[in-house]
Amino acid sequence: MTSFDSHLLIVDDDERIRGLLKKFLMRAGFLVTAARDAAHARRVLSGLDFDLIVLDVMMPGEDGISLTRSLRETLSTPILLLTAKGETDDRIEGLEAGADDYLSKPFEPKELLLRINAILRRMPEPTAKDAAPKVLHLGPIRYDIERGEMWQGEELIRLTGTESQLMKIFSACPGEPVSRTKLVEDLGRDRGQAQERAVDVQITRLRRKIEPNPKQPQYLQTVRGAGYMLAPD
């Protein structure tokens, strides 16, 4: 399994660290989804499969070790724990909870990448049954995340380059609002109100392709004060 085949879930309550890790791992070729806490991670995991979970231990509410222990009841997905604690007892507790590896903060991003790749190399190659494409359902429309393709029945829905980029951005964080400023940045545009208005136009065009009624969007929603959010079935 290579990075280009792998979808990672990053769970960390620190927005700065979460963003830095996501950018670094995306540059390394991974498809990356981020969650801000255990509850958010559970919602994401209910709709998507992942090849590996990078999980911070010290989070408000349910901590990473508790979440690991809970996930292990139903999931075999590899888990790499991140924590500010470096004591032996803490490492043992994390491994006993079901984690596959453990990395203490602060760490070098390259070391994290090496550990992720080492875990993925140990994973068996998926069988044909397990290799089903990761798909989001938007009513009668299917969006294949790995292929970046959108289908309605047997008909391929043609997406422009910008529409394809938008779908990749939204499908990496379903159920989570993405601000217009963030969309402009991820699309590689210069910041400014003009570019944000241009994004609004692209959103309108994308809605025409995925919404039963584009004037009352159900799947690509506007979240007041927060941006836009993809809400798959």
C-alpha atoms as a PDB file:
ATOM      1  CA  MET A   1       0.000   0.000   0.000  1.00  0.00           C
ATOM      2  CA  THR A   2       1.382   3.427  -0.944  1.00  0.00           C
ATOM      3  CA  SER A   3       0.521   6.923   0.246  1.00  0.00           C
ATOM      4  CA  PHE A   4      -1.415   7.522  -2.979  1.00  0.00           C
ATOM      5  CA  ASP A   5      -3.754   4.653  -2.034  1.00  0.00           C
ATOM      6  CA  SER A   6      -4.212   5.680   1.596  1.00  0.00           C
ATOM      7  CA  HIS A   7      -6.821   7.789   3.384  1.00  0.00           C
ATOM      8  CA  LEU A   8      -5.774   9.080   6.819  1.00  0.00           C
ATOM      9  CA  LEU A   9      -7.895  10.503   9.634  1.00  0.00           C
ATOM     10  CA  ILE A  10      -6.161  13.124  11.814  1.00  0.00           C
ATOM     11  CA  VAL A  11      -7.803  13.735  15.221  1.00  0.00           C
ATOM     12  CA  ASP A  12      -6.392  16.641  17.253  1.00  0.00           C
ATOM     13  CA  ASP A  13      -8.093  19.422  19.211  1.00  0.00           C
ATOM     14  CA  ASP A  14      -5.318  21.913  18.358  1.00  0.00           C
ATOM     15  CA  GLU A  15      -6.437  23.621  15.151  1.00  0.00           C
ATOM     16  CA  ARG A  16      -2.921  24.773  14.257  1.00  0.00           C
ATOM     17  CA  ILE A  17      -1.372  21.317  14.646  1.00  0.00           C
ATOM     18  CA  ARG A  18      -4.325  19.727  12.864  1.00  0.00           C
ATOM     19  CA  GLY A  19      -3.908  22.061   9.908  1.00  0.00           C
ATOM     20  CA  LEU A  20      -0.133  21.652   9.720  1.00  0.00           C
ATOM     21  CA  LEU A  21      -0.342  17.859   9.824  1.00  0.00           C
ATOM     22  CA  LYS A  22      -3.057  17.813   7.175  1.00  0.00           C
ATOM     23  CA  LYS A  23      -1.032  19.978   4.791  1.00  0.00           C
ATOM     24  CA  PHE A  24       2.190  18.033   5.393  1.00  0.00           C
ATOM     25  CA  LEU A  25       0.574  14.632   4.837  1.00  0.00           C
ATOM     26  CA  MET A  26      -1.366  15.809   1.790  1.00  0.00           C
ATOM     27  CA  ARG A  27       1.910  17.007   0.278  1.00  0.00           C
ATOM     28  CA  ALA A  28       3.260  13.500   0.962  1.00  0.00           C
ATOM     29  CA  GLY A  29       0.479  12.120  -1.237  1.00  0.00           C
ATOM     30  CA  PHE A  30      -2.132  11.036   1.293  1.00  0.00           C
ATOM     31  CA  LEU A  31      -5.835  11.752   1.197  1.00  0.00           C
ATOM     32  CA  VAL A  32      -6.427  13.360   4.605  1.00  0.00           C
ATOM     33  CA  THR A  33      -9.538  14.070   6.655  1.00  0.00           C
ATOM     34  CA  ALA A  34      -9.310  15.965   9.962  1.00  0.00           C
ATOM     35  CA  ALA A  35     -11.486  15.838  13.084  1.00  0.00           C
ATOM     36  CA  ARG A  36     -11.327  18.235  16.021  1.00  0.00           C
ATOM     37  CA  ASP A  37     -12.242  15.826  18.855  1.00  0.00           C
ATOM     38  CA  ALA A  38     -13.440  12.299  19.618  1.00  0.00           C
ATOM     39  CA  ALA A  39     -17.107  13.082  18.969  1.00  0.00           C
ATOM     40  CA  HIS A  40     -16.284  14.604  15.571  1.00  0.00           C
ATOM     41  CA  ALA A  41     -14.075  11.603  14.761  1.00  0.00           C
ATOM     42  CA  ARG A  42     -16.935   9.213  15.534  1.00  0.00           C
ATOM     43  CA  ARG A  43     -19.236  11.081  13.141  1.00  0.00           C
ATOM     44  CA  VAL A  44     -16.639  10.963  10.371  1.00  0.00           C
ATOM     45  CA  LEU A  45     -15.898   7.273  10.985  1.00  0.00           C
ATOM     46  CA  SER A  46     -19.598   6.447  10.750  1.00  0.00           C
ATOM     47  CA  GLY A  47     -19.561   7.447   7.076  1.00  0.00           C
ATOM     48  CA  LEU A  48     -16.026   6.806   5.809  1.00  0.00           C
ATOM     49  CA  ASP A  49     -13.393   4.076   5.954  1.00  0.00           C
ATOM     50  CA  PHE A  50      -9.753   4.928   6.628  1.00  0.00           C
ATOM     51  CA  ASP A  51      -6.429   3.184   6.214  1.00  0.00           C
ATOM     52  CA  LEU A  52      -4.910   4.716   9.357  1.00  0.00           C
ATOM     53  CA  ILE A  53      -5.922   7.032  12.216  1.00  0.00           C
ATOM     54  CA  VAL A  54      -3.471   9.545  13.746  1.00  0.00           C
ATOM     55  CA  LEU A  55      -4.958  10.331  17.138  1.00  0.00           C
ATOM     56  CA  ASP A  56      -3.956  12.866  19.783  1.00  0.00           C
ATOM     57  CA  VAL A  57      -4.169  11.489  23.327  1.00  0.00           C
ATOM     58  CA  MET A  58      -4.657  14.714  25.283  1.00  0.00           C
ATOM     59  CA  MET A  59      -8.036  16.058  24.140  1.00  0.00           C
ATOM     60  CA  PRO A  60     -10.883  17.655  26.099  1.00  0.00           C
ATOM     61  CA  GLY A  61     -13.788  15.322  26.711  1.00  0.00           C
ATOM     62  CA  GLU A  62     -13.046  11.769  25.617  1.00  0.00           C
ATOM     63  CA  ASP A  63      -9.280  11.341  25.370  1.00  0.00           C
ATOM     64  CA  GLY A  64      -7.394   9.456  22.692  1.00  0.00           C
ATOM     65  CA  ILE A  65      -6.714   6.327  24.739  1.00  0.00           C
ATOM     66  CA  SER A  66     -10.387   5.976  25.654  1.00  0.00           C
ATOM     67  CA  LEU A  67     -11.384   6.492  22.020  1.00  0.00           C
ATOM     68  CA  THR A  68      -8.796   3.925  20.891  1.00  0.00           C
ATOM     69  CA  ARG A  69     -10.135   1.367  23.353  1.00  0.00           C
ATOM     70  CA  SER A  70     -13.693   2.006  22.135  1.00  0.00           C
ATOM     71  CA  LEU A  71     -12.814   1.878  18.432  1.00  0.00           C
ATOM     72  CA  ARG A  72     -10.992  -1.405  18.889  1.00  0.00           C
ATOM     73  CA  GLU A  73     -14.322  -3.048  19.746  1.00  0.00           C
ATOM     74  CA  THR A  74     -15.425  -2.710  16.122  1.00  0.00           C
ATOM     75  CA  LEU A  75     -12.492  -1.435  14.016  1.00  0.00           C
ATOM     76  CA  SER A  76      -9.180  -2.985  13.015  1.00  0.00           C
ATOM     77  CA  THR A  77      -7.921   0.245  11.383  1.00  0.00           C
ATOM     78  CA  PRO A  78      -4.324   0.991  12.505  1.00  0.00           C
ATOM     79  CA  ILE A  79      -4.046   3.769  15.108  1.00  0.00           C
ATOM     80  CA  LEU A  80      -0.978   5.934  15.764  1.00  0.00           C
ATOM     81  CA  LEU A  81      -1.190   7.907  19.017  1.00  0.00           C
ATOM     82  CA  LEU A  82       0.304  11.380  19.495  1.00  0.00           C
ATOM     83  CA  THR A  83       0.822  12.804  22.946  1.00  0.00           C
ATOM     84  CA  ALA A  84       2.837  15.288  24.976  1.00  0.00           C
ATOM     85  CA  LYS A  85       3.452  12.509  27.465  1.00  0.00           C
ATOM     86  CA  GLY A  86       6.579  10.443  26.986  1.00  0.00           C
ATOM     87  CA  GLU A  87       6.621   8.241  30.058  1.00  0.00           C
ATOM     88  CA  THR A  88       6.876   4.471  29.610  1.00  0.00           C
ATOM     89  CA  ASP A  89       3.612   3.856  31.501  1.00  0.00           C
ATOM     90  CA  ASP A  90       1.730   6.151  29.143  1.00  0.00           C
ATOM     91  CA  ARG A  91       3.139   4.398  26.074  1.00  0.00           C
ATOM     92  CA  ILE A  92       2.189   1.020  27.512  1.00  0.00           C
ATOM     93  CA  GLU A  93      -1.341   2.228  28.303  1.00  0.00           C
ATOM     94  CA  GLY A  94      -1.801   3.416  24.730  1.00  0.00           C
ATOM     95  CA  LEU A  95      -0.511   0.166  23.241  1.00  0.00           C
ATOM     96  CA  GLU A  96      -2.637  -1.908  25.610  1.00  0.00           C
ATOM     97  CA  ALA A  97      -5.681   0.095  24.479  1.00  0.00           C
ATOM     98  CA  GLY A  98      -5.035  -1.154  20.957  1.00  0.00           C
ATOM     99  CA  ALA A  99      -2.776   1.447  19.345  1.00  0.00           C
ATOM    100  CA  ASP A 100      -0.286   0.235  16.740  1.00  0.00           C
ATOM    101  CA  ASP A 101       2.370   2.851  17.489  1.00  0.00           C
ATOM    102  CA  TYR A 102       3.054   5.821  19.710  1.00  0.00           C
ATOM    103  CA  LEU A 103       4.851   9.125  19.034  1.00  0.00           C
ATOM    104  CA  SER A 104       5.609  11.726  21.692  1.00  0.00           C
ATOM    105  CA  LYS A 105       5.301  15.470  21.066  1.00  0.00           C
ATOM    106  CA  PRO A 106       7.208  17.429  19.975  1.00  0.00           C
ATOM    107  CA  PHE A 107       8.187  15.329  16.985  1.00  0.00           C
ATOM    108  CA  GLU A 108       9.661  15.830  13.546  1.00  0.00           C
ATOM    109  CA  PRO A 109       7.015  15.557  10.807  1.00  0.00           C
ATOM    110  CA  LYS A 110       9.375  13.319   8.840  1.00  0.00           C
ATOM    111  CA  GLU A 111       9.434  10.850  11.739  1.00  0.00           C
ATOM    112  CA  LEU A 112       5.627  10.790  11.743  1.00  0.00           C
ATOM    113  CA  LEU A 113       5.675  10.093   8.012  1.00  0.00           C
ATOM    114  CA  LEU A 114       8.173   7.255   8.463  1.00  0.00           C
ATOM    115  CA  ARG A 115       6.064   5.666  11.182  1.00  0.00           C
ATOM    116  CA  ILE A 116       2.862   5.969   9.140  1.00  0.00           C
ATOM    117  CA  ASN A 117       4.516   4.351   6.134  1.00  0.00           C
ATOM    118  CA  ALA A 118       5.978   1.598   8.314  1.00  0.00           C
ATOM    119  CA  ILE A 119       2.522   0.760   9.696  1.00  0.00           C
ATOM    120  CA  LEU A 120       0.944   0.780   6.238  1.00  0.00           C
ATOM    121  CA  ARG A 121       3.654  -1.523   4.881  1.00  0.00           C
ATOM    122  CA  ARG A 122       2.768  -4.048   7.577  1.00  0.00           C
ATOM    123  CA  MET A 123      -0.905  -4.053   6.569  1.00  0.00           C
ATOM    124  CA  PRO A 124      -2.055  -6.871   4.276  1.00  0.00           C
ATOM    125  CA  GLU A 125      -3.057  -5.910   0.756  1.00  0.00           C
ATOM    126  CA  PRO A 126      -6.835  -5.508   0.537  1.00  0.00           C
ATOM    127  CA  THR A 127      -8.819  -8.296  -1.038  1.00  0.00           C
ATOM    128  CA  ALA A 128     -11.189  -7.560  -3.900  1.00  0.00           C
ATOM    129  CA  LYS A 129     -14.030  -7.427  -1.386  1.00  0.00           C
ATOM    130  CA  ASP A 130     -12.196  -4.912   0.799  1.00  0.00           C
ATOM    131  CA  ALA A 131     -11.058  -2.812  -2.150  1.00  0.00           C
ATOM    132  CA  ALA A 132     -14.468  -1.300  -2.871  1.00  0.00           C
ATOM    133  CA  PRO A 133     -14.149   2.412  -3.742  1.00  0.00           C
ATOM    134  CA  LYS A 134     -14.759   4.913  -1.003  1.00  0.00           C
ATOM    135  CA  VAL A 135     -17.972   6.601  -2.059  1.00  0.00           C
ATOM    136  CA  LEU A 136     -20.151   9.420  -0.753  1.00  0.00           C
ATOM    137  CA  HIS A 137     -23.862   9.311  -1.584  1.00  0.00           C
ATOM    138  CA  LEU A 138     -25.746  12.503  -2.374  1.00  0.00           C
ATOM    139  CA  GLY A 139     -29.234  11.188  -3.042  1.00  0.00           C
ATOM    140  CA  PRO A 140     -29.098   9.492  -6.469  1.00  0.00           C
ATOM    141  CA  ILE A 141     -25.567  10.794  -7.043  1.00  0.00           C
ATOM    142  CA  ARG A 142     -22.404   8.895  -6.086  1.00  0.00           C
ATOM    143  CA  TYR A 143     -19.043  10.599  -5.614  1.00  0.00           C
ATOM    144  CA  ASP A 144     -16.018   8.292  -5.758  1.00  0.00           C
ATOM    145  CA  ILE A 145     -13.460   9.993  -3.512  1.00  0.00           C
ATOM    146  CA  GLU A 146     -10.401   8.124  -4.770  1.00  0.00           C
ATOM    147  CA  ARG A 147     -11.186   8.544  -8.459  1.00  0.00           C
ATOM    148  CA  GLY A 148     -12.641  12.038  -8.104  1.00  0.00           C
ATOM    149  CA  GLU A 149     -15.601  10.936 -10.220  1.00  0.00           C
ATOM    150  CA  MET A 150     -19.280  11.767  -9.844  1.00  0.00           C
ATOM    151  CA  TRP A 151     -21.980   9.458 -11.188  1.00  0.00           C
ATOM    152  CA  GLN A 152     -25.753   9.428 -11.459  1.00  0.00           C
ATOM    153  CA  GLY A 153     -26.715   5.863 -12.245  1.00  0.00           C
ATOM    154  CA  GLU A 154     -24.494   4.825 -15.155  1.00  0.00           C
ATOM    155  CA  GLU A 155     -23.970   8.419 -16.304  1.00  0.00           C
ATOM    156  CA  LEU A 156     -20.731  10.224 -15.489  1.00  0.00           C
ATOM    157  CA  ILE A 157     -21.351  13.810 -14.383  1.00  0.00           C
ATOM    158  CA  ARG A 158     -18.793  16.093 -15.970  1.00  0.00           C
ATOM    159  CA  LEU A 159     -17.030  18.377 -13.495  1.00  0.00           C
ATOM    160  CA  THR A 160     -14.836  21.341 -14.323  1.00  0.00           C
ATOM    161  CA  GLY A 161     -11.350  21.506 -12.833  1.00  0.00           C
ATOM    162  CA  THR A 162     -12.497  23.897 -10.096  1.00  0.00           C
ATOM    163  CA  GLU A 163     -15.581  21.805  -9.341  1.00  0.00           C
ATOM    164  CA  SER A 164     -13.365  18.724  -9.012  1.00  0.00           C
ATOM    165  CA  GLN A 165     -11.079  20.588  -6.598  1.00  0.00           C
ATOM    166  CA  LEU A 166     -14.062  21.743  -4.539  1.00  0.00           C
ATOM    167  CA  MET A 167     -15.431  18.199  -4.276  1.00  0.00           C
ATOM    168  CA  LYS A 168     -12.032  16.914  -3.126  1.00  0.00           C
ATOM    169  CA  ILE A 169     -11.879  19.619  -0.460  1.00  0.00           C
ATOM    170  CA  PHE A 170     -15.424  18.995   0.799  1.00  0.00           C
ATOM    171  CA  SER A 171     -15.194  15.187   0.665  1.00  0.00           C
ATOM    172  CA  ALA A 172     -12.125  15.299   2.929  1.00  0.00           C
ATOM    173  CA  CYS A 173     -14.279  16.783   5.732  1.00  0.00           C
ATOM    174  CA  PRO A 174     -17.938  15.774   5.250  1.00  0.00           C
ATOM    175  CA  GLY A 175     -20.257  17.358   7.801  1.00  0.00           C
ATOM    176  CA  GLU A 176     -17.700  20.057   8.624  1.00  0.00           C
ATOM    177  CA  PRO A 177     -18.100  23.656   7.390  1.00  0.00           C
ATOM    178  CA  VAL A 178     -15.308  25.070   5.232  1.00  0.00           C
ATOM    179  CA  SER A 179     -14.948  28.848   5.185  1.00  0.00           C
ATOM    180  CA  ARG A 180     -14.863  30.808   1.950  1.00  0.00           C
ATOM    181  CA  THR A 181     -11.380  32.058   2.908  1.00  0.00           C
ATOM    182  CA  LYS A 182     -10.174  28.457   3.351  1.00  0.00           C
ATOM    183  CA  LEU A 183     -11.690  27.442   0.021  1.00  0.00           C
ATOM    184  CA  VAL A 184      -9.889  30.304  -1.721  1.00  0.00           C
ATOM    185  CA  GLU A 185      -6.616  29.229  -0.076  1.00  0.00           C
ATOM    186  CA  ASP A 186      -7.040  25.514  -0.904  1.00  0.00           C
ATOM    187  CA  LEU A 187      -7.910  26.375  -4.501  1.00  0.00           C
ATOM    188  CA  GLY A 188      -4.600  28.222  -4.745  1.00  0.00           C
ATOM    189  CA  ARG A 189      -6.157  31.620  -5.359  1.00  0.00           C
ATOM    190  CA  ASP A 190      -5.074  35.003  -4.058  1.00  0.00           C
ATOM    191  CA  ARG A 191      -7.011  36.123  -1.015  1.00  0.00           C
ATOM    192  CA  GLY A 192      -9.649  38.799  -1.322  1.00  0.00           C
ATOM    193  CA  GLN A 193     -13.359  39.458  -1.566  1.00  0.00           C
ATOM    194  CA  ALA A 194     -13.324  39.136  -5.352  1.00  0.00           C
ATOM    195  CA  GLN A 195     -11.979  35.568  -5.100  1.00  0.00           C
ATOM    196  CA  GLU A 196     -14.497  34.710  -2.373  1.00  0.00           C
ATOM    197  CA  ARG A 197     -17.307  35.898  -4.654  1.00  0.00           C
ATOM    198  CA  ALA A 198     -15.812  33.770  -7.431  1.00  0.00           C
ATOM    199  CA  VAL A 199     -15.989  30.765  -5.106  1.00  0.00           C
ATOM    200  CA  ASP A 200     -19.668  31.557  -4.470  1.00  0.00           C
ATOM    201  CA  VAL A 201     -20.268  31.388  -8.224  1.00  0.00           C
ATOM    202  CA  GLN A 202     -18.501  28.013  -8.445  1.00  0.00           C
ATOM    203  CA  ILE A 203     -20.564  26.691  -5.540  1.00  0.00           C
ATOM    204  CA  THR A 204     -23.748  27.749  -7.336  1.00  0.00           C
ATOM    205  CA  ARG A 205     -22.643  25.899 -10.473  1.00  0.00           C
ATOM    206  CA  LEU A 206     -21.697  22.783  -8.506  1.00  0.00           C
ATOM    207  CA  ARG A 207     -25.075  22.786  -6.768  1.00  0.00           C
ATOM    208  CA  ARG A 208     -26.801  22.663 -10.156  1.00  0.00           C
ATOM    209  CA  LYS A 209     -25.096  19.317 -10.720  1.00  0.00           C
ATOM    210  CA  ILE A 210     -25.744  17.679  -7.350  1.00  0.00           C
ATOM    211  CA  GLU A 211     -28.892  19.232  -5.866  1.00  0.00           C
ATOM    212  CA  PRO A 212     -32.506  18.223  -6.655  1.00  0.00           C
ATOM    213  CA  ASN A 213     -33.369  21.888  -6.030  1.00  0.00           C
ATOM    214  CA  PRO A 214     -30.262  24.135  -6.207  1.00  0.00           C
ATOM    215  CA  LYS A 215     -32.207  27.027  -4.636  1.00  0.00           C
ATOM    216  CA  GLN A 216     -32.810  24.900  -1.529  1.00  0.00           C
ATOM    217  CA  PRO A 217     -29.516  22.995  -1.219  1.00  0.00           C
ATOM    218  CA  GLN A 218     -29.642  19.761   0.707  1.00  0.00           C
ATOM    219  CA  TYR A 219     -26.179  18.308   0.143  1.00  0.00           C
ATOM    220  CA  LEU A 220     -23.941  21.364  -0.338  1.00  0.00           C
ATOM    221  CA  GLN A 221     -25.270  23.548   2.433  1.00  0.00           C
ATOM    222  CA  THR A 222     -24.554  27.129   3.443  1.00  0.00           C
ATOM    223  CA  VAL A 223     -23.662  27.350   7.127  1.00  0.00           C
ATOM    224  CA  ARG A 224     -24.325  30.881   8.304  1.00  0.00           C
ATOM    225  CA  GLY A 225     -21.140  32.568   9.481  1.00  0.00           C
ATOM    226  CA  ALA A 226     -19.036  29.452   8.832  1.00  0.00           C
ATOM    227  CA  GLY A 227     -18.994  28.802   5.075  1.00  0.00           C
ATOM    228  CA  TYR A 228     -20.153  25.783   3.087  1.00  0.00           C
ATOM    229  CA  MET A 229     -20.568  22.151   4.158  1.00  0.00           C
ATOM    230  CA  LEU A 230     -20.994  18.900   2.270  1.00  0.00           C
ATOM    231  CA  ALA A 231     -23.741  16.825   3.930  1.00  0.00           C
ATOM    232  CA  PRO A 232     -23.835  13.363   2.284  1.00  0.00           C
ATOM    233  CA  ASP A 233     -26.498  10.757   3.105  1.00  0.00           C
END
